[in-house]
Structures are given as C-alpha cells and as structure tokens.
Amino acid sequence: MVKQRRDSIEQYTKGGRQDLVDKEQAEIEVIEAYLPQGASADVIEAAIDEAIAETGAASTKDMGKVMKAVQAKLAGKNADGRTVSEIVKSKLTG
C-alpha cells in the first residue's frame, strides 16, 4: 500500500498536484504506523555486501543473483525493494 502511494506521489508531483501529494503523504504516515520497523541502512548495506561476496557478482549482469541473495538475507525485515535495488545497482556499477 505504501509503494502504491509513493508511486502516486511521484505522478502527482510531475502533474503539479501538491494537494494530492499531501493527501498521499498523510496516508503513508498512517499506514507506516502499523508496519514493522524497517531495516536500517546499515543492515541493508551489510546484506548487500555479503550477497555480492557470496555470489561473486562483478557487474550488473549479476544483479538478479545478488537481489535473490539479498532478499533471502532480509527475509522478515521490512526493506524497501526499490532502495535495495538502487544500492545493489550502484555497488555493481561503481
């Protein structure tokens, strides 16, 4: 539900509809109050580093293997997939 609202916020921002952005942001805050605590950036970074080392990934071609390993490591923790994907991509390209 949060992801849908974040996608909506992105679209409303592009469309110049600040009133709808504010509404969606308020709904996210209510929903997040009921979600388990999200994984910290340090936990996500550590899981990604371990997954890259375990899979021997060297480029973005290996992103699928790394993402699968990271998801297994972060199972049960509330981690935003988009954020994880962006970090994995940056580590594999940089």
Protein backbone atom coordinates (compact mmCIF):
# COMPACT_ATOMS: atom_id res chain seq x y z
CA MET A 1 0.00 0.00 0.00
CA VAL A 2 2.87 2.34 0.78
CA LYS A 3 4.53 1.59 -2.53
CA GLN A 4 1.32 2.45 -4.41
CA ARG A 5 1.11 5.76 -2.62
CA ARG A 6 4.75 6.59 -3.30
CA ASP A 7 4.16 5.88 -6.98
CA SER A 8 1.10 8.14 -6.86
CA ILE A 9 3.12 10.88 -5.17
CA GLU A 10 5.66 10.71 -7.98
CA GLN A 11 2.94 11.08 -10.60
CA TYR A 12 1.12 13.85 -8.74
CA THR A 13 4.39 15.75 -8.31
CA LYS A 14 5.01 15.57 -12.05
CA GLY A 15 1.47 16.76 -12.61
CA GLY A 16 1.80 19.70 -10.24
CA ARG A 17 -0.91 18.46 -7.85
CA GLN A 18 0.55 19.32 -4.45
CA ASP A 19 -2.85 18.86 -2.78
CA LEU A 20 -2.90 15.20 -3.81
CA VAL A 21 0.77 14.76 -2.87
CA ASP A 22 -0.02 15.98 0.64
CA LYS A 23 -3.02 13.63 0.90
CA GLU A 24 -0.99 10.60 -0.21
CA GLN A 25 1.87 11.51 2.17
CA ALA A 26 -0.56 11.68 5.08
CA GLU A 27 -1.91 8.25 4.18
CA ILE A 28 1.63 6.83 4.07
CA GLU A 29 2.27 8.11 7.59
CA VAL A 30 -0.86 6.36 8.88
CA ILE A 31 -0.02 3.08 7.13
CA GLU A 32 3.61 3.14 8.30
CA ALA A 33 2.44 3.41 11.90
CA TYR A 34 1.12 -0.16 11.56
CA LEU A 35 4.11 -1.62 9.72
CA PRO A 36 7.03 -3.30 11.46
CA GLN A 37 10.17 -1.22 11.84
CA GLY A 38 12.11 -1.10 8.60
CA ALA A 39 15.62 -2.46 8.18
CA SER A 40 18.26 0.18 8.79
CA ALA A 41 20.56 1.36 6.02
CA ASP A 42 23.48 -0.36 7.75
CA VAL A 43 21.67 -3.71 7.82
CA ILE A 44 20.74 -3.38 4.14
CA GLU A 45 24.29 -2.40 3.15
CA ALA A 46 25.76 -5.34 5.08
CA ALA A 47 23.33 -7.80 3.48
CA ILE A 48 24.17 -6.46 0.02
CA ASP A 49 27.92 -6.66 0.63
CA GLU A 50 27.58 -10.26 1.86
CA ALA A 51 25.40 -11.21 -1.11
CA ILE A 52 27.87 -9.72 -3.60
CA ALA A 53 30.74 -11.59 -1.95
CA GLU A 54 28.79 -14.88 -1.84
CA THR A 55 27.64 -14.72 -5.46
CA GLY A 56 30.91 -13.38 -6.82
CA ALA A 57 28.98 -10.72 -8.71
CA ALA A 58 31.10 -8.40 -10.80
CA SER A 59 28.66 -6.46 -12.98
CA THR A 60 25.02 -5.51 -13.38
CA LYS A 61 24.54 -8.76 -15.32
CA ASP A 62 24.69 -10.49 -11.93
CA MET A 63 22.08 -8.23 -10.36
CA GLY A 64 19.39 -10.94 -10.32
CA LYS A 65 21.58 -13.34 -8.35
CA VAL A 66 22.52 -10.62 -5.88
CA MET A 67 18.92 -9.46 -5.40
CA LYS A 68 17.80 -13.04 -4.72
CA ALA A 69 20.54 -13.49 -2.12
CA VAL A 70 19.80 -10.11 -0.50
CA GLN A 71 16.08 -10.86 -0.27
CA ALA A 72 16.87 -14.13 1.49
CA LYS A 73 19.10 -12.29 3.96
CA LEU A 74 16.50 -9.59 4.61
CA ALA A 75 13.55 -12.01 4.92
CA GLY A 76 11.27 -10.93 7.74
CA LYS A 77 12.70 -7.42 7.78
CA ASN A 78 10.84 -4.55 6.25
CA ALA A 79 13.20 -3.40 3.47
CA ASP A 80 12.07 -1.31 0.50
CA GLY A 81 12.84 -3.27 -2.67
CA ARG A 82 13.43 -0.17 -4.74
CA THR A 83 16.03 1.12 -2.29
CA VAL A 84 17.76 -2.26 -2.15
CA SER A 85 17.79 -2.47 -5.94
CA GLU A 86 19.28 1.01 -6.31
CA ILE A 87 22.05 0.25 -3.81
CA VAL A 88 22.87 -3.08 -5.48
CA LYS A 89 23.00 -1.39 -8.86
CA SER A 90 25.30 1.37 -7.61
CA LYS A 91 27.65 -1.16 -5.98
CA LEU A 92 27.82 -3.30 -9.12
CA THR A 93 28.45 -0.35 -11.45
CA GLY A 94 30.76 1.63 -9.20
